[in-house]
Amino acid sequence: MEGRGNVQTHQRSRRPRIRAAAAKRVIQQQLRDDGVRVGLVPAREINDKATEYLHDHPEVWREAMERARQMDDEEEAKKARRRKIREPMVTPDLPERNS
């Protein structure tokens, strides 16, 4: 099919977002634990701290990669179920009406 990426391309594009989201959740929780209202912290500051956190904690990368693989497996299973050939629906013949 034209214009659609394969699963590997999709998987690679999803992984950075999952890693970033995981790191942002950790940073946001740290801020909450410190009594800071997360909504008042500029997004740029949270993103910068999340990037730094990712560099310092490689286990987050591994967890995110595993989560991306799980999501891809789930997506493939869903697609396989949709592709499964089903028996066509047959409606019973209705008797003709005499008006």
Protein backbone atom coordinates (compact mmCIF):
# COMPACT_ATOMS: atom_id res chain seq x y z
CA MET A 1 0.00 0.00 0.00
CA GLU A 2 1.26 3.40 -0.93
CA GLY A 3 1.86 6.00 1.75
CA ARG A 4 1.81 3.69 4.73
CA GLY A 5 4.89 2.86 6.75
CA ASN A 6 5.70 -0.65 7.76
CA VAL A 7 5.49 -1.88 11.34
CA GLN A 8 9.19 -1.31 12.01
CA THR A 9 8.99 2.32 10.90
CA HIS A 10 5.90 2.84 13.04
CA GLN A 11 7.57 1.10 15.96
CA ARG A 12 10.68 3.28 15.69
CA SER A 13 8.60 6.46 15.61
CA ARG A 14 6.63 5.39 18.67
CA ARG A 15 9.61 4.56 20.89
CA PRO A 16 10.96 8.08 21.44
CA ARG A 17 7.51 9.28 22.45
CA ILE A 18 7.10 6.44 24.94
CA ARG A 19 10.52 7.12 26.45
CA ALA A 20 9.81 10.84 26.73
CA ALA A 21 6.39 10.24 28.26
CA ALA A 22 7.81 7.82 30.83
CA ALA A 23 10.52 10.29 31.84
CA LYS A 24 8.03 13.17 32.00
CA ARG A 25 5.76 11.17 34.32
CA VAL A 26 8.72 10.52 36.65
CA ILE A 27 9.71 14.20 36.68
CA GLN A 28 6.12 15.32 37.24
CA GLN A 29 5.78 12.93 40.18
CA GLN A 30 9.06 14.21 41.64
CA LEU A 31 7.73 17.76 41.37
CA ARG A 32 4.48 16.76 43.07
CA ASP A 33 6.43 15.02 45.83
CA ASP A 34 8.32 18.29 46.36
CA GLY A 35 5.00 20.13 46.73
CA VAL A 36 5.18 21.88 43.36
CA ARG A 37 2.04 22.35 41.27
CA VAL A 38 2.99 20.72 37.99
CA GLY A 39 0.58 22.87 36.00
CA LEU A 40 2.57 25.97 36.97
CA VAL A 41 5.90 24.58 35.77
CA PRO A 42 6.76 25.50 32.16
CA ALA A 43 6.64 22.50 29.82
CA ARG A 44 10.12 23.31 28.58
CA GLU A 45 11.53 22.94 32.10
CA ILE A 46 9.81 19.56 32.54
CA ASN A 47 11.06 18.40 29.14
CA ASP A 48 14.62 19.50 29.92
CA LYS A 49 14.55 17.66 33.24
CA ALA A 50 13.05 14.59 31.55
CA THR A 51 15.83 14.56 28.95
CA GLU A 52 18.43 14.78 31.69
CA TYR A 53 16.65 12.02 33.60
CA LEU A 54 16.75 9.75 30.52
CA HIS A 55 20.50 10.25 30.20
CA ASP A 56 21.02 9.37 33.86
CA HIS A 57 18.63 6.38 33.97
CA PRO A 58 19.13 3.92 31.08
CA GLU A 59 16.61 1.50 32.63
CA VAL A 60 13.84 3.87 31.53
CA TRP A 61 14.99 3.36 27.95
CA ARG A 62 14.82 -0.41 28.35
CA GLU A 63 11.36 -0.29 29.95
CA ALA A 64 10.09 2.01 27.21
CA MET A 65 11.46 -0.26 24.50
CA GLU A 66 9.72 -3.25 26.08
CA ARG A 67 6.46 -1.29 26.32
CA ALA A 68 6.76 -0.27 22.64
CA ARG A 69 7.26 -3.93 21.69
CA GLN A 70 4.19 -4.92 23.71
CA MET A 71 2.12 -2.22 22.04
CA ASP A 72 3.28 -3.35 18.62
CA ASP A 73 2.46 -6.98 19.43
CA GLU A 74 -1.01 -5.97 20.60
CA GLU A 75 -1.54 -3.91 17.46
CA GLU A 76 -0.43 -6.77 15.22
CA ALA A 77 -2.78 -9.19 17.02
CA LYS A 78 -5.64 -6.74 16.55
CA LYS A 79 -4.86 -6.41 12.83
CA ALA A 80 -4.66 -10.19 12.47
CA ARG A 81 -8.11 -10.55 14.05
CA ARG A 82 -9.51 -7.97 11.62
CA ARG A 83 -7.93 -9.75 8.64
CA LYS A 84 -9.37 -13.08 9.67
CA ILE A 85 -11.79 -14.31 7.02
CA ARG A 86 -15.29 -14.65 8.35
CA GLU A 87 -18.23 -16.56 7.00
CA PRO A 88 -20.51 -14.25 5.03
CA MET A 89 -23.77 -13.40 6.70
CA VAL A 90 -26.77 -14.97 5.01
CA THR A 91 -30.22 -13.62 5.61
CA PRO A 92 -33.16 -15.98 5.35
CA ASP A 93 -35.49 -15.61 2.42
CA LEU A 94 -38.61 -13.79 3.48
CA PRO A 95 -42.00 -14.86 2.17
CA GLU A 96 -43.51 -12.50 -0.34
CA ARG A 97 -46.27 -10.24 0.91
CA ASN A 98 -49.61 -10.21 -0.83
CA SER A 99 -50.92 -6.69 -0.59
